[in-house]
Amino acid sequence: MPSIVHEYKGYRIAIYSPSGHFAVICPPGSNRVIDFKERQPRATVVEGPLVCLERAQALVESLAAETMPARLP
């Protein structure tokens, strides 16, 4: 079971904390987990789950920036 579940900009972020902390992110309207491979947000036990959540939110921000169409002048 995740220790934290948070919705951010439509994405669902779940933080799991077995021996460290790692985030699983699902896109809006889906239960499919996005595979980030080595970019998966993680934090040590000392850093804590909120640091992992902040890293996941930063990753969602970068995803949102990539998917936004370029604005014309």
PDB file of N, CA and C in Angstrom:
ATOM      1  N   MET A   1       0.840  -1.177   0.000  1.00  0.00           N
ATOM      2  CA  MET A   1       0.000   0.000   0.000  1.00  0.00           C
ATOM      3  C   MET A   1       0.892   1.248   0.000  1.00  0.00           C
ATOM      4  N   PRO A   2       0.478   2.263  -0.757  1.00  0.00           N
ATOM      5  CA  PRO A   2       1.257   3.500  -0.745  1.00  0.00           C
ATOM      6  C   PRO A   2       1.132   4.226   0.595  1.00  0.00           C
ATOM      7  N   SER A   3       2.197   4.924   0.969  1.00  0.00           N
ATOM      8  CA  SER A   3       2.148   5.704   2.207  1.00  0.00           C
ATOM      9  C   SER A   3       1.510   7.067   1.969  1.00  0.00           C
ATOM     10  N   ILE A   4       1.597   7.572   0.730  1.00  0.00           N
ATOM     11  CA  ILE A   4       0.980   8.851   0.350  1.00  0.00           C
ATOM     12  C   ILE A   4       0.388   8.687  -1.040  1.00  0.00           C
ATOM     13  N   VAL A   5      -0.825   9.188  -1.234  1.00  0.00           N
ATOM     14  CA  VAL A   5      -1.415   9.283  -2.571  1.00  0.00           C
ATOM     15  C   VAL A   5      -1.835  10.736  -2.735  1.00  0.00           C
ATOM     16  N   HIS A   6      -1.370  11.354  -3.819  1.00  0.00           N
ATOM     17  CA  HIS A   6      -1.597  12.784  -4.019  1.00  0.00           C
ATOM     18  C   HIS A   6      -1.933  13.026  -5.486  1.00  0.00           C
ATOM     19  N   GLU A   7      -2.908  13.877  -5.753  1.00  0.00           N
ATOM     20  CA  GLU A   7      -3.216  14.255  -7.132  1.00  0.00           C
ATOM     21  C   GLU A   7      -2.606  15.618  -7.387  1.00  0.00           C
ATOM     22  N   TYR A   8      -1.886  15.720  -8.501  1.00  0.00           N
ATOM     23  CA  TYR A   8      -1.200  16.961  -8.845  1.00  0.00           C
ATOM     24  C   TYR A   8      -1.352  17.197 -10.339  1.00  0.00           C
ATOM     25  N   LYS A   9      -2.022  18.283 -10.695  1.00  0.00           N
ATOM     26  CA  LYS A   9      -2.278  18.648 -12.096  1.00  0.00           C
ATOM     27  C   LYS A   9      -2.911  17.503 -12.872  1.00  0.00           C
ATOM     28  N   GLY A  10      -3.792  16.764 -12.226  1.00  0.00           N
ATOM     29  CA  GLY A  10      -4.494  15.662 -12.869  1.00  0.00           C
ATOM     30  C   GLY A  10      -3.765  14.331 -12.806  1.00  0.00           C
ATOM     31  N   TYR A  11      -2.479  14.351 -12.516  1.00  0.00           N
ATOM     32  CA  TYR A  11      -1.689  13.125 -12.393  1.00  0.00           C
ATOM     33  C   TYR A  11      -1.830  12.596 -10.971  1.00  0.00           C
ATOM     34  N   ARG A  12      -1.886  11.291 -10.824  1.00  0.00           N
ATOM     35  CA  ARG A  12      -1.955  10.684  -9.497  1.00  0.00           C
ATOM     36  C   ARG A  12      -0.559  10.187  -9.126  1.00  0.00           C
ATOM     37  N   ILE A  13      -0.086  10.631  -7.978  1.00  0.00           N
ATOM     38  CA  ILE A  13       1.243  10.269  -7.489  1.00  0.00           C
ATOM     39  C   ILE A  13       1.073   9.419  -6.237  1.00  0.00           C
ATOM     40  N   ALA A  14       1.659   8.240  -6.240  1.00  0.00           N
ATOM     41  CA  ALA A  14       1.634   7.368  -5.060  1.00  0.00           C
ATOM     42  C   ALA A  14       3.073   7.170  -4.597  1.00  0.00           C
ATOM     43  N   ILE A  15       3.300   7.392  -3.312  1.00  0.00           N
ATOM     44  CA  ILE A  15       4.627   7.210  -2.728  1.00  0.00           C
ATOM     45  C   ILE A  15       4.639   5.902  -1.943  1.00  0.00           C
ATOM     46  N   TYR A  16       5.554   5.029  -2.297  1.00  0.00           N
ATOM     47  CA  TYR A  16       5.736   3.758  -1.588  1.00  0.00           C
ATOM     48  C   TYR A  16       7.013   3.860  -0.768  1.00  0.00           C
ATOM     49  N   SER A  17       7.005   3.266   0.412  1.00  0.00           N
ATOM     50  CA  SER A  17       8.140   3.398   1.326  1.00  0.00           C
ATOM     51  C   SER A  17       8.546   2.067   1.953  1.00  0.00           C
ATOM     52  N   PRO A  18       9.026   1.097   1.148  1.00  0.00           N
ATOM     53  CA  PRO A  18       9.447  -0.170   1.754  1.00  0.00           C
ATOM     54  C   PRO A  18      10.751  -0.028   2.547  1.00  0.00           C
ATOM     55  N   SER A  19      11.834   0.429   1.907  1.00  0.00           N
ATOM     56  CA  SER A  19      13.099   0.635   2.614  1.00  0.00           C
ATOM     57  C   SER A  19      13.711   1.979   2.234  1.00  0.00           C
ATOM     58  N   GLY A  20      13.095   2.660   1.334  1.00  0.00           N
ATOM     59  CA  GLY A  20      13.419   4.011   0.895  1.00  0.00           C
ATOM     60  C   GLY A  20      12.090   4.548   0.421  1.00  0.00           C
ATOM     61  N   HIS A  21      12.085   5.544  -0.409  1.00  0.00           N
ATOM     62  CA  HIS A  21      10.824   6.077  -0.919  1.00  0.00           C
ATOM     63  C   HIS A  21      10.924   6.167  -2.438  1.00  0.00           C
ATOM     64  N   PHE A  22       9.881   5.723  -3.141  1.00  0.00           N
ATOM     65  CA  PHE A  22       9.840   5.899  -4.582  1.00  0.00           C
ATOM     66  C   PHE A  22       8.417   6.247  -4.986  1.00  0.00           C
ATOM     67  N   ALA A  23       8.309   6.996  -6.080  1.00  0.00           N
ATOM     68  CA  ALA A  23       7.008   7.465  -6.541  1.00  0.00           C
ATOM     69  C   ALA A  23       6.569   6.703  -7.779  1.00  0.00           C
ATOM     70  N   VAL A  24       5.267   6.474  -7.857  1.00  0.00           N
ATOM     71  CA  VAL A  24       4.630   5.894  -9.032  1.00  0.00           C
ATOM     72  C   VAL A  24       3.639   6.939  -9.518  1.00  0.00           C
ATOM     73  N   ILE A  25       3.690   7.268 -10.818  1.00  0.00           N
ATOM     74  CA  ILE A  25       2.852   8.331 -11.370  1.00  0.00           C
ATOM     75  C   ILE A  25       1.955   7.762 -12.452  1.00  0.00           C
ATOM     76  N   CYS A  26       0.647   8.084 -12.367  1.00  0.00           N
ATOM     77  CA  CYS A  26      -0.341   7.682 -13.371  1.00  0.00           C
ATOM     78  C   CYS A  26      -0.854   8.935 -14.067  1.00  0.00           C
ATOM     79  N   PRO A  27      -1.018   8.891 -15.399  1.00  0.00           N
ATOM     80  CA  PRO A  27      -1.515  10.059 -16.117  1.00  0.00           C
ATOM     81  C   PRO A  27      -2.995  10.308 -15.832  1.00  0.00           C
ATOM     82  N   PRO A  28      -3.477  11.508 -16.184  1.00  0.00           N
ATOM     83  CA  PRO A  28      -4.891  11.827 -15.958  1.00  0.00           C
ATOM     84  C   PRO A  28      -5.820  10.810 -16.617  1.00  0.00           C
ATOM     85  N   GLY A  29      -6.819  10.352 -15.875  1.00  0.00           N
ATOM     86  CA  GLY A  29      -7.828   9.447 -16.403  1.00  0.00           C
ATOM     87  C   GLY A  29      -7.365   8.028 -16.654  1.00  0.00           C
ATOM     88  N   SER A  30      -6.247   7.626 -16.089  1.00  0.00           N
ATOM     89  CA  SER A  30      -5.713   6.289 -16.342  1.00  0.00           C
ATOM     90  C   SER A  30      -5.150   5.691 -15.054  1.00  0.00           C
ATOM     91  N   ASN A  31      -5.130   4.381 -15.007  1.00  0.00           N
ATOM     92  CA  ASN A  31      -4.475   3.676 -13.903  1.00  0.00           C
ATOM     93  C   ASN A  31      -3.132   3.104 -14.345  1.00  0.00           C
ATOM     94  N   ARG A  32      -2.737   3.401 -15.583  1.00  0.00           N
ATOM     95  CA  ARG A  32      -1.477   2.901 -16.121  1.00  0.00           C
ATOM     96  C   ARG A  32      -0.318   3.692 -15.518  1.00  0.00           C
ATOM     97  N   VAL A  33       0.662   3.002 -15.001  1.00  0.00           N
ATOM     98  CA  VAL A  33       1.829   3.647 -14.402  1.00  0.00           C
ATOM     99  C   VAL A  33       2.789   4.044 -15.515  1.00  0.00           C
ATOM    100  N   ILE A  34       3.266   5.280 -15.461  1.00  0.00           N
ATOM    101  CA  ILE A  34       4.247   5.759 -16.433  1.00  0.00           C
ATOM    102  C   ILE A  34       5.614   5.192 -16.043  1.00  0.00           C
ATOM    103  N   ASP A  35       6.295   4.570 -17.011  1.00  0.00           N
ATOM    104  CA  ASP A  35       7.610   3.978 -16.757  1.00  0.00           C
ATOM    105  C   ASP A  35       8.687   5.031 -17.034  1.00  0.00           C
ATOM    106  N   PHE A  36       9.297   5.543 -15.989  1.00  0.00           N
ATOM    107  CA  PHE A  36      10.337   6.563 -16.129  1.00  0.00           C
ATOM    108  C   PHE A  36      11.739   5.975 -16.106  1.00  0.00           C
ATOM    109  N   LYS A  37      11.842   4.688 -15.902  1.00  0.00           N
ATOM    110  CA  LYS A  37      13.126   3.995 -15.801  1.00  0.00           C
ATOM    111  C   LYS A  37      14.022   4.691 -14.772  1.00  0.00           C
ATOM    112  N   GLU A  38      15.182   5.208 -15.175  1.00  0.00           N
ATOM    113  CA  GLU A  38      16.111   5.811 -14.207  1.00  0.00           C
ATOM    114  C   GLU A  38      15.655   7.176 -13.700  1.00  0.00           C
ATOM    115  N   ARG A  39      14.635   7.774 -14.326  1.00  0.00           N
ATOM    116  CA  ARG A  39      14.130   9.082 -13.872  1.00  0.00           C
ATOM    117  C   ARG A  39      13.059   8.951 -12.788  1.00  0.00           C
ATOM    118  N   GLN A  40      12.734   7.719 -12.366  1.00  0.00           N
ATOM    119  CA  GLN A  40      11.693   7.528 -11.355  1.00  0.00           C
ATOM    120  C   GLN A  40      12.075   8.283 -10.082  1.00  0.00           C
ATOM    121  N   PRO A  41      11.166   9.130  -9.574  1.00  0.00           N
ATOM    122  CA  PRO A  41      11.475   9.889  -8.357  1.00  0.00           C
ATOM    123  C   PRO A  41      11.732   8.965  -7.162  1.00  0.00           C
ATOM    124  N   ARG A  42      12.825   9.237  -6.457  1.00  0.00           N
ATOM    125  CA  ARG A  42      13.208   8.451  -5.283  1.00  0.00           C
ATOM    126  C   ARG A  42      13.731   9.393  -4.206  1.00  0.00           C
ATOM    127  N   ALA A  43      13.726   8.913  -2.979  1.00  0.00           N
ATOM    128  CA  ALA A  43      14.322   9.634  -1.853  1.00  0.00           C
ATOM    129  C   ALA A  43      14.777   8.598  -0.832  1.00  0.00           C
ATOM    130  N   THR A  44      15.791   8.959  -0.082  1.00  0.00           N
ATOM    131  CA  THR A  44      16.271   8.057   0.966  1.00  0.00           C
ATOM    132  C   THR A  44      15.340   8.124   2.171  1.00  0.00           C
ATOM    133  N   VAL A  45      15.520   7.204   3.082  1.00  0.00           N
ATOM    134  CA  VAL A  45      14.729   7.202   4.316  1.00  0.00           C
ATOM    135  C   VAL A  45      14.969   8.500   5.083  1.00  0.00           C
ATOM    136  N   VAL A  46      16.210   8.963   5.102  1.00  0.00           N
ATOM    137  CA  VAL A  46      16.551  10.191   5.824  1.00  0.00           C
ATOM    138  C   VAL A  46      15.876  11.405   5.181  1.00  0.00           C
ATOM    139  N   GLU A  47      15.855  11.470   3.836  1.00  0.00           N
ATOM    140  CA  GLU A  47      15.207  12.598   3.153  1.00  0.00           C
ATOM    141  C   GLU A  47      13.702  12.607   3.417  1.00  0.00           C
ATOM    142  N   GLY A  48      13.098  11.442   3.415  1.00  0.00           N
ATOM    143  CA  GLY A  48      11.681  11.325   3.732  1.00  0.00           C
ATOM    144  C   GLY A  48      10.766  11.318   2.516  1.00  0.00           C
ATOM    145  N   PRO A  49       9.511  10.907   2.727  1.00  0.00           N
ATOM    146  CA  PRO A  49       8.565  10.780   1.624  1.00  0.00           C
ATOM    147  C   PRO A  49       8.152  12.114   1.007  1.00  0.00           C
ATOM    148  N   LEU A  50       8.189  13.202   1.773  1.00  0.00           N
ATOM    149  CA  LEU A  50       7.789  14.495   1.209  1.00  0.00           C
ATOM    150  C   LEU A  50       8.794  14.996   0.177  1.00  0.00           C
ATOM    151  N   VAL A  51      10.070  14.664   0.353  1.00  0.00           N
ATOM    152  CA  VAL A  51      11.082  15.000  -0.651  1.00  0.00           C
ATOM    153  C   VAL A  51      10.795  14.225  -1.931  1.00  0.00           C
ATOM    154  N   CYS A  52      10.418  12.971  -1.790  1.00  0.00           N
ATOM    155  CA  CYS A  52      10.064  12.147  -2.948  1.00  0.00           C
ATOM    156  C   CYS A  52       8.849  12.745  -3.658  1.00  0.00           C
ATOM    157  N   LEU A  53       7.863  13.199  -2.890  1.00  0.00           N
ATOM    158  CA  LEU A  53       6.675  13.824  -3.467  1.00  0.00           C
ATOM    159  C   LEU A  53       7.046  15.095  -4.224  1.00  0.00           C
ATOM    160  N   GLU A  54       7.931  15.915  -3.670  1.00  0.00           N
ATOM    161  CA  GLU A  54       8.379  17.132  -4.353  1.00  0.00           C
ATOM    162  C   GLU A  54       9.075  16.790  -5.669  1.00  0.00           C
ATOM    163  N   ARG A  55       9.883  15.750  -5.676  1.00  0.00           N
ATOM    164  CA  ARG A  55      10.581  15.333  -6.903  1.00  0.00           C
ATOM    165  C   ARG A  55       9.586  14.822  -7.944  1.00  0.00           C
ATOM    166  N   ALA A  56       8.561  14.113  -7.488  1.00  0.00           N
ATOM    167  CA  ALA A  56       7.526  13.630  -8.405  1.00  0.00           C
ATOM    168  C   ALA A  56       6.747  14.799  -8.992  1.00  0.00           C
ATOM    169  N   GLN A  57       6.448  15.800  -8.180  1.00  0.00           N
ATOM    170  CA  GLN A  57       5.734  16.979  -8.674  1.00  0.00           C
ATOM    171  C   GLN A  57       6.579  17.728  -9.699  1.00  0.00           C
ATOM    172  N   ALA A  58       7.879  17.824  -9.483  1.00  0.00           N
ATOM    173  CA  ALA A  58       8.771  18.464 -10.452  1.00  0.00           C
ATOM    174  C   ALA A  58       8.780  17.690 -11.766  1.00  0.00           C
ATOM    175  N   LEU A  59       8.737  16.375 -11.685  1.00  0.00           N
ATOM    176  CA  LEU A  59       8.692  15.553 -12.894  1.00  0.00           C
ATOM    177  C   LEU A  59       7.375  15.756 -13.637  1.00  0.00           C
ATOM    178  N   VAL A  60       6.266  15.865 -12.906  1.00  0.00           N
ATOM    179  CA  VAL A  60       4.968  16.142 -13.531  1.00  0.00           C
ATOM    180  C   VAL A  60       5.009  17.508 -14.213  1.00  0.00           C
ATOM    181  N   GLU A  61       5.635  18.494 -13.581  1.00  0.00           N
ATOM    182  CA  GLU A  61       5.785  19.824 -14.193  1.00  0.00           C
ATOM    183  C   GLU A  61       6.516  19.712 -15.530  1.00  0.00           C
ATOM    184  N   SER A  62       7.583  18.924 -15.575  1.00  0.00           N
ATOM    185  CA  SER A  62       8.334  18.775 -16.825  1.00  0.00           C
ATOM    186  C   SER A  62       7.507  18.039 -17.875  1.00  0.00           C
ATOM    187  N   LEU A  63       6.693  17.070 -17.447  1.00  0.00           N
ATOM    188  CA  LEU A  63       5.806  16.380 -18.390  1.00  0.00           C
ATOM    189  C   LEU A  63       4.784  17.343 -18.971  1.00  0.00           C
ATOM    190  N   ALA A  64       4.207  18.174 -18.112  1.00  0.00           N
ATOM    191  CA  ALA A  64       3.210  19.142 -18.561  1.00  0.00           C
ATOM    192  C   ALA A  64       3.832  20.130 -19.542  1.00  0.00           C
ATOM    193  N   ALA A  65       5.071  20.548 -19.295  1.00  0.00           N
ATOM    194  CA  ALA A  65       5.759  21.476 -20.190  1.00  0.00           C
ATOM    195  C   ALA A  65       6.036  20.832 -21.547  1.00  0.00           C
ATOM    196  N   GLU A  66       6.350  19.536 -21.555  1.00  0.00           N
ATOM    197  CA  GLU A  66       6.625  18.826 -22.808  1.00  0.00           C
ATOM    198  C   GLU A  66       5.369  18.656 -23.648  1.00  0.00           C
ATOM    199  N   THR A  67       4.222  18.470 -23.000  1.00  0.00           N
ATOM    200  CA  THR A  67       2.994  18.192 -23.738  1.00  0.00           C
ATOM    201  C   THR A  67       2.227  19.445 -24.129  1.00  0.00           C
ATOM    202  N   MET A  68       2.593  20.611 -23.561  1.00  0.00           N
ATOM    203  CA  MET A  68       1.904  21.847 -23.928  1.00  0.00           C
ATOM    204  C   MET A  68       2.358  22.277 -25.314  1.00  0.00           C
ATOM    205  N   PRO A  69       1.417  22.655 -26.184  1.00  0.00           N
ATOM    206  CA  PRO A  69       1.810  23.115 -27.515  1.00  0.00           C
ATOM    207  C   PRO A  69       2.515  24.467 -27.424  1.00  0.00           C
ATOM    208  N   ALA A  70       3.420  24.695 -28.346  1.00  0.00           N
ATOM    209  CA  ALA A  70       4.126  25.978 -28.379  1.00  0.00           C
ATOM    210  C   ALA A  70       3.140  27.081 -28.732  1.00  0.00           C
ATOM    211  N   ARG A  71       3.262  28.193 -28.047  1.00  0.00           N
ATOM    212  CA  ARG A  71       2.356  29.318 -28.305  1.00  0.00           C
ATOM    213  C   ARG A  71       2.923  30.179 -29.418  1.00  0.00           C
ATOM    214  N   LEU A  72       2.047  30.576 -30.301  1.00  0.00           N
ATOM    215  CA  LEU A  72       2.455  31.452 -31.395  1.00  0.00           C
ATOM    216  C   LEU A  72       2.401  32.901 -30.925  1.00  0.00           C
ATOM    217  N   PRO A  73       3.312  33.744 -31.429  1.00  0.00           N
ATOM    218  CA  PRO A  73       3.321  35.159 -31.007  1.00  0.00           C
ATOM    219  C   PRO A  73       2.111  35.919 -31.504  1.00  0.00           C
TER     220      PRO A  73
END
